[in-house]
Protein backbone atom coordinates (compact mmCIF):
# COMPACT_ATOMS: atom_id res chain seq x y z
CA MET A 1 -18.13 -46.32 -7.89
CA SER A 2 -19.47 -44.39 -10.85
CA SER A 3 -18.09 -41.11 -12.08
CA ALA A 4 -21.34 -39.45 -11.02
CA ASP A 5 -20.37 -40.02 -7.40
CA HIS A 6 -17.51 -37.59 -7.90
CA LEU A 7 -19.68 -34.78 -9.21
CA PRO A 8 -20.55 -33.16 -5.85
CA SER A 9 -16.90 -32.99 -4.77
CA ALA A 10 -15.87 -31.66 -8.19
CA ALA A 11 -18.63 -29.06 -8.06
CA SER A 12 -17.60 -28.07 -4.54
CA TYR A 13 -13.98 -27.72 -5.62
CA GLN A 14 -15.00 -25.59 -8.59
CA ARG A 15 -17.18 -23.41 -6.37
CA LYS A 16 -14.34 -22.85 -3.90
CA ALA A 17 -11.94 -22.02 -6.75
CA THR A 18 -14.43 -19.48 -8.08
CA HIS A 19 -14.76 -17.93 -4.61
CA ARG A 20 -10.98 -17.64 -4.34
CA ARG A 21 -10.79 -15.92 -7.72
CA TRP A 22 -13.46 -13.42 -6.67
CA TRP A 23 -11.68 -12.73 -3.40
CA LEU A 24 -8.45 -12.17 -5.34
CA ILE A 25 -10.18 -9.65 -7.60
CA ILE A 26 -11.70 -7.90 -4.56
CA SER A 27 -8.27 -7.79 -2.89
CA VAL A 28 -6.71 -6.16 -5.94
CA ILE A 29 -9.51 -3.57 -6.06
CA VAL A 30 -9.17 -2.80 -2.34
CA ILE A 31 -5.39 -2.42 -2.65
CA ALA A 32 -5.90 -0.09 -5.61
CA ILE A 33 -8.38 2.25 -3.91
CA LEU A 34 -7.06 2.36 -0.32
CA PRO A 35 -4.32 5.00 -0.89
CA ASN A 36 -6.86 7.14 -2.71
CA VAL A 37 -9.32 6.92 0.18
CA LEU A 38 -6.69 7.38 2.92
CA GLN A 39 -4.62 10.26 1.57
CA ASP A 40 -3.20 11.32 4.93
CA SER A 41 0.51 10.41 5.16
CA TYR A 42 -0.02 8.93 8.64
CA TRP A 43 -2.58 6.37 7.46
CA ARG A 44 -0.67 5.65 4.27
CA THR A 45 2.30 4.79 6.44
CA ASN A 46 0.09 2.44 8.44
CA LEU A 47 -1.08 0.82 5.21
CA ILE A 48 2.52 0.00 4.32
CA VAL A 49 3.15 -1.38 7.81
CA CYS A 50 0.01 -3.52 7.41
CA ALA A 51 1.37 -4.97 4.17
CA LEU A 52 4.75 -5.70 5.80
CA ASN A 53 3.06 -7.40 8.75
CA VAL A 54 0.91 -9.48 6.41
CA MET A 55 4.09 -10.82 4.80
CA LEU A 56 5.58 -11.63 8.20
CA ALA A 57 2.39 -13.30 9.43
CA ILE A 58 1.82 -15.55 6.43
CA GLY A 59 5.50 -16.57 6.45
CA LEU A 60 5.27 -17.61 10.11
CA ASP A 61 1.92 -19.33 9.54
CA PHE A 62 3.50 -21.49 6.83
CA ILE A 63 6.10 -22.65 9.38
CA LEU A 64 3.84 -22.94 12.41
CA GLY A 65 0.39 -23.58 11.02
CA TYR A 66 1.28 -26.07 8.30
CA ALA A 67 4.62 -27.63 9.31
CA GLY A 68 3.86 -27.43 13.04
CA GLN A 69 7.22 -25.83 13.89
CA LEU A 70 6.97 -23.34 16.78
CA ASN A 71 9.31 -20.60 15.59
CA LEU A 72 9.89 -17.75 18.04
CA GLY A 73 12.81 -16.32 16.10
CA HIS A 74 10.96 -14.87 13.12
CA SER A 75 12.24 -11.38 13.89
CA ALA A 76 15.79 -12.65 13.20
CA PHE A 77 14.99 -13.47 9.57
CA TYR A 78 13.19 -10.15 9.28
CA GLY A 79 16.37 -8.41 10.43
CA ILE A 80 18.65 -10.51 8.22
CA GLY A 81 16.68 -9.54 5.13
CA ALA A 82 16.78 -5.87 6.10
CA TYR A 83 20.49 -5.68 6.92
CA VAL A 84 21.76 -7.91 4.09
CA SER A 85 19.94 -5.94 1.40
CA THR A 86 20.88 -2.58 2.92
CA LEU A 87 24.56 -3.41 3.42
CA LEU A 88 24.87 -4.74 -0.12
CA ILE A 89 23.42 -1.48 -1.45
CA ILE A 90 25.44 0.86 0.79
CA LYS A 91 28.76 -0.98 1.12
CA LEU A 92 29.05 -2.63 -2.29
CA GLY A 93 26.81 -0.49 -4.46
CA VAL A 94 24.61 -3.42 -5.49
CA PRO A 95 21.35 -2.29 -7.16
CA PHE A 96 18.21 -2.61 -5.07
CA TRP A 97 16.54 -5.58 -6.76
CA PRO A 98 19.60 -7.90 -6.74
CA ALA A 99 20.18 -6.88 -3.10
CA PHE A 100 16.51 -7.58 -2.40
CA LEU A 101 16.87 -11.10 -3.83
CA CYS A 102 20.07 -11.66 -1.81
CA GLY A 103 18.24 -10.63 1.36
CA ILE A 104 15.51 -13.17 0.59
CA LEU A 105 18.03 -15.93 -0.20
CA LEU A 106 20.17 -15.36 2.90
CA SER A 107 17.12 -15.19 5.17
CA GLY A 108 15.81 -18.43 3.68
CA THR A 109 19.24 -20.04 4.00
CA ALA A 110 19.49 -18.96 7.65
CA GLY A 111 16.06 -20.45 8.32
CA MET A 112 17.06 -23.72 6.70
CA ALA A 113 20.32 -23.79 8.67
CA LEU A 114 18.47 -23.25 11.95
CA SER A 115 16.01 -25.98 11.05
CA ILE A 116 18.80 -28.43 10.21
CA PHE A 117 20.56 -27.85 13.53
CA ALA A 118 17.30 -28.03 15.49
CA VAL A 119 15.70 -30.81 13.44
CA ARG A 120 15.39 -33.16 16.40
CA LEU A 121 13.74 -30.54 18.57
CA ARG A 122 9.99 -30.18 18.87
CA GLY A 123 7.48 -28.01 20.67
CA HIS A 124 8.89 -25.74 23.33
CA TYR A 125 12.44 -27.02 22.77
CA LEU A 126 12.35 -25.76 19.20
CA ALA A 127 10.78 -22.53 20.45
CA ILE A 128 13.68 -21.99 22.85
CA ALA A 129 16.24 -22.78 20.14
CA SER A 130 14.66 -20.34 17.69
CA LEU A 131 14.40 -17.74 20.46
CA GLY A 132 18.11 -18.18 21.15
CA PHE A 133 18.84 -17.70 17.47
CA ALA A 134 16.90 -14.43 17.51
CA VAL A 135 18.97 -13.27 20.51
CA ILE A 136 22.22 -14.15 18.72
CA VAL A 137 21.22 -12.28 15.55
CA HIS A 138 20.18 -9.22 17.56
CA GLN A 139 23.45 -9.21 19.49
CA VAL A 140 25.43 -9.48 16.25
CA LEU A 141 23.54 -6.50 14.84
CA VAL A 142 24.21 -4.51 18.01
CA ASN A 143 27.88 -5.37 18.53
CA TRP A 144 29.31 -5.70 15.00
CA ILE A 145 29.61 -1.93 14.82
CA SER A 146 32.15 -1.85 11.97
CA LEU A 147 29.56 -3.47 9.71
CA THR A 148 26.10 -2.63 11.04
CA GLN A 149 26.87 0.65 12.88
CA GLY A 150 25.38 -1.03 15.96
CA PRO A 151 23.01 1.11 18.05
CA LEU A 152 24.02 4.16 15.99
CA GLY A 153 22.02 2.76 13.10
CA ILE A 154 22.22 3.14 9.34
CA TYR A 155 20.60 6.26 7.93
CA GLY A 156 19.77 7.67 4.54
CA ILE A 157 18.55 4.41 3.03
CA LYS A 158 16.90 5.21 -0.27
CA PRO A 159 13.59 3.76 -1.48
CA PRO A 160 13.58 1.30 -4.41
CA PRO A 161 14.55 2.95 -7.71
CA ALA A 162 11.81 4.39 -9.87
CA ILE A 163 10.38 2.18 -12.58
CA ALA A 164 10.06 3.72 -16.04
CA LEU A 165 7.06 2.43 -17.98
CA PRO A 166 6.90 2.94 -21.76
CA GLY A 167 4.74 5.92 -22.61
CA LEU A 168 4.05 6.70 -18.94
CA PRO A 169 5.76 8.82 -16.25
CA ALA A 170 8.30 7.03 -14.06
CA VAL A 171 6.81 5.41 -10.95
CA SER A 172 8.66 6.79 -7.93
CA PHE A 173 8.56 4.77 -4.74
CA GLY A 174 9.43 7.82 -2.71
CA ASP A 175 5.68 8.42 -2.93
CA SER A 176 3.91 6.57 -0.09
CA ALA A 177 1.03 5.45 -2.32
CA ASN A 178 3.37 3.83 -4.84
CA MET A 179 5.38 2.25 -2.03
CA PHE A 180 2.18 0.75 -0.65
CA TYR A 181 1.26 -0.65 -4.06
CA LEU A 182 4.71 -2.23 -4.30
CA VAL A 183 4.73 -3.83 -0.84
CA ALA A 184 1.06 -4.86 -0.96
CA GLY A 185 1.59 -6.31 -4.44
CA PHE A 186 4.42 -8.49 -3.17
CA ALA A 187 2.38 -9.46 -0.09
CA LEU A 188 -0.44 -10.57 -2.39
CA LEU A 189 2.03 -12.43 -4.61
CA PHE A 190 3.54 -14.29 -1.64
CA TYR A 191 0.06 -15.11 -0.37
CA ILE A 192 -0.91 -16.61 -3.74
CA LEU A 193 2.30 -18.65 -3.88
CA LEU A 194 1.87 -19.99 -0.33
CA ASP A 195 -1.81 -20.68 -0.97
CA ARG A 196 -0.89 -22.73 -4.03
CA LEU A 197 1.67 -24.63 -1.95
CA VAL A 198 -0.68 -25.47 0.90
CA ARG A 199 -3.39 -26.63 -1.54
CA SER A 200 -0.94 -28.87 -3.38
CA PRO A 201 0.44 -32.26 -2.28
CA ILE A 202 3.19 -30.30 -0.53
CA GLY A 203 0.60 -28.81 1.83
CA GLU A 204 -0.85 -32.25 2.50
CA THR A 205 2.64 -33.55 3.29
CA LEU A 206 3.35 -30.70 5.71
CA THR A 207 -0.04 -31.20 7.38
CA ALA A 208 0.70 -34.90 7.83
CA ILE A 209 4.01 -34.04 9.52
CA ARG A 210 2.27 -31.49 11.75
CA GLU A 211 -0.42 -33.94 12.86
CA ASP A 212 1.80 -36.99 13.47
CA GLU A 213 5.45 -36.95 12.48
CA VAL A 214 6.01 -40.62 13.36
CA SER A 215 3.11 -41.78 11.19
CA ALA A 216 4.23 -39.49 8.36
CA ALA A 217 7.74 -40.97 8.51
CA SER A 218 6.28 -44.50 8.44
CA LEU A 219 4.61 -43.60 5.12
CA GLY A 220 7.99 -42.75 3.62
CA ILE A 221 7.84 -38.97 4.07
CA ASN A 222 11.22 -37.35 4.67
CA CYS A 223 10.11 -35.22 7.61
CA THR A 224 13.49 -33.55 8.05
CA ALA A 225 13.66 -32.33 4.45
CA TRP A 226 10.11 -30.99 4.47
CA LYS A 227 10.53 -29.17 7.79
CA VAL A 228 13.71 -27.57 6.47
CA PHE A 229 11.81 -26.60 3.31
CA ALA A 230 8.98 -24.99 5.31
CA PHE A 231 11.43 -23.08 7.50
CA GLY A 232 13.31 -21.85 4.46
CA ILE A 233 10.20 -20.61 2.64
CA GLY A 234 8.71 -18.87 5.69
CA SER A 235 12.05 -17.26 6.56
CA ALA A 236 12.55 -16.08 2.97
CA VAL A 237 9.19 -14.28 3.04
CA ALA A 238 10.25 -12.59 6.29
CA GLY A 239 13.50 -11.55 4.61
CA ALA A 240 11.55 -9.92 1.78
CA ALA A 241 9.54 -7.97 4.35
CA GLY A 242 12.80 -6.87 5.98
CA ALA A 243 14.26 -5.61 2.70
CA PHE A 244 11.14 -3.55 2.04
CA TYR A 245 11.12 -2.28 5.63
CA ALA A 246 14.61 -0.83 5.30
CA SER A 247 13.85 0.96 2.04
CA PHE A 248 10.54 2.23 3.40
CA VAL A 249 11.71 3.57 6.77
CA GLY A 250 15.09 4.78 5.52
CA THR A 251 16.74 3.91 8.83
CA LEU A 252 17.96 0.65 10.34
CA VAL A 253 18.59 0.08 14.04
CA PRO A 254 18.88 -3.33 15.75
CA ASP A 255 16.02 -2.56 18.14
CA ALA A 256 13.58 -2.82 15.22
CA PHE A 257 14.21 -6.59 15.31
CA ILE A 258 14.14 -7.38 19.01
CA ILE A 259 12.55 -10.55 20.36
CA THR A 260 9.24 -8.86 21.15
CA GLU A 261 8.73 -8.42 17.41
CA SER A 262 8.58 -12.22 17.11
CA PHE A 263 5.86 -12.37 19.76
CA THR A 264 3.90 -9.64 17.97
CA ILE A 265 4.02 -11.63 14.72
CA LEU A 266 3.00 -14.78 16.61
CA ALA A 267 0.04 -12.90 18.10
CA MET A 268 -1.08 -11.91 14.60
CA VAL A 269 -1.06 -15.55 13.53
CA ILE A 270 -2.91 -16.77 16.64
CA VAL A 271 -5.55 -14.02 16.57
CA GLY A 272 -6.13 -14.59 12.86
CA GLY A 273 -6.22 -18.37 13.04
CA ILE A 274 -3.26 -20.75 12.88
CA GLY A 275 -3.05 -22.91 9.79
CA THR A 276 -5.56 -20.94 7.70
CA LEU A 277 -3.23 -18.54 5.84
CA ILE A 278 -6.02 -16.02 5.27
CA GLY A 279 -6.56 -15.74 9.04
CA PRO A 280 -3.08 -14.33 9.74
CA VAL A 281 -3.72 -11.74 7.02
CA TRP A 282 -6.70 -10.43 8.98
CA GLY A 283 -4.80 -10.84 12.25
CA ALA A 284 -1.92 -8.74 10.92
CA ILE A 285 -4.30 -6.02 9.72
CA LEU A 286 -6.23 -5.98 13.01
CA LEU A 287 -3.18 -5.89 15.29
CA THR A 288 -1.58 -3.16 13.17
CA VAL A 289 -4.62 -0.91 13.00
CA LEU A 290 -6.05 -1.53 16.50
CA PRO A 291 -3.22 0.19 18.45
CA GLU A 292 -3.53 3.23 16.18
CA VAL A 293 -7.31 3.39 16.62
CA LEU A 294 -6.85 3.18 20.41
CA ARG A 295 -4.10 5.80 20.45
CA GLY A 296 -6.62 8.43 21.54
CA PHE A 297 -6.95 6.63 24.89
CA GLY A 298 -3.33 7.37 25.77
CA ASP A 299 -1.58 4.77 27.93
CA PHE A 300 -4.89 2.99 28.47
CA ARG A 301 -4.72 1.79 24.88
CA LEU A 302 -2.17 -0.84 25.96
CA VAL A 303 -4.64 -2.12 28.56
CA PHE A 304 -7.44 -2.32 25.99
CA TYR A 305 -5.09 -3.96 23.53
CA GLY A 306 -3.99 -6.59 26.06
CA VAL A 307 -7.55 -7.31 27.18
CA ALA A 308 -8.68 -7.70 23.56
CA LEU A 309 -5.87 -10.19 22.86
CA THR A 310 -6.59 -12.15 26.03
CA LEU A 311 -10.32 -12.39 25.28
CA ALA A 312 -9.59 -13.44 21.71
CA VAL A 313 -7.33 -16.29 22.85
CA LEU A 314 -9.74 -17.42 25.60
CA PHE A 315 -12.99 -17.36 23.65
CA MET A 316 -11.71 -17.78 20.08
CA PRO A 317 -8.80 -20.26 20.27
CA GLY A 318 -9.20 -20.78 16.53
CA GLY A 319 -8.85 -17.06 15.93
CA MET A 320 -10.88 -14.80 13.70
CA MET A 321 -11.45 -17.61 11.20
CA GLN A 322 -13.16 -19.70 13.89
CA ALA A 323 -15.36 -16.73 14.76
CA ALA A 324 -16.22 -16.28 11.07
CA GLN A 325 -17.16 -19.96 10.78
CA VAL A 326 -19.40 -19.75 13.86
CA ILE A 327 -21.15 -16.64 12.53
CA ARG A 328 -21.56 -18.24 9.11
CA ALA A 329 -23.04 -21.39 10.69
CA GLN A 330 -25.47 -19.31 12.75
CA PHE A 331 -26.64 -17.40 9.68
CA ALA A 332 -27.07 -20.67 7.77
CA PHE A 333 -29.11 -22.11 10.66
CA LEU A 334 -31.34 -19.03 10.86
CA ARG A 335 -31.82 -19.00 7.10
CA SER A 336 -32.81 -22.67 7.04
CA LYS A 337 -35.10 -22.16 10.02
CA LEU A 338 -36.83 -19.18 8.38
CA GLY A 339 -37.13 -21.13 5.16
CA ALA A 340 -38.72 -24.05 6.97
CA GLU A 341 -41.20 -21.75 8.71
CA GLY A 342 -42.05 -20.09 5.40
CA THR A 343 -43.02 -23.41 3.80
CA GLN A 344 -45.42 -24.29 6.61
């Protein structure tokens, strides 16, 4: 086979890489202008929640969509990151950024530990085990009152410390716009890192395990180690979201990390498109903004919300990314058809 045979694939790869770079630039521009367009504190708060949910969704998608591990305990790692970072700051006086890193590390370690203990479980058995883990973590947060304050909660949590830039005023994260830039910047960073992973041989290895673990093992792949790796990375991203959540809200109560939070994150991944990474980003944004848009309908908004989710799962099992592919294919068909008619 001549080298010329490889030119189309190389050109396609280059074209896709160029598209990704353009989308990255567009994302940075959108992040930069959104707080200036939405200056109301209510919508700025929702922007920050969107960024937090994006981090949670892409972390779960890395575990579920690429490693094929059905994790229903994602809220536990979210809570671990929040409480570990906050307790280190309040109880031990650790600065925010070291506490932030500790929250990420302990969340990732907890995810790896869960994966090691449940390594032989698959499908709904793993789902039940991870769900049980989420229950245990929530009960610890509720009942270890001497440490977590239990249902009374922890109050007065300060935002991340201001950053002093040479020649410029200090950047205070008590301002909602700056807080959004910080959280959205980290969400974009985590997305880029995960995207690089899934496009590398690591992503191919995880996909092989997801599709057929027995065949992957027969090829010499250490399935246990890679599943533990995927769980650790996804859980660490959730821990980062938890650390930012605590500093953003200023209050921590165990009910912020109940089991239903895991199902909400799972819905974001499914609606966006499992195993696409960019799909869960759009799913997180949609399922964060949609309830707020429907708030004017009162209690009926929950009915509309539920119907929308049900229809999405029934008619778009591949999520928003499947819908985008169908629309793109239809436009391509119409364009080719019009082009053919124009040449006649």
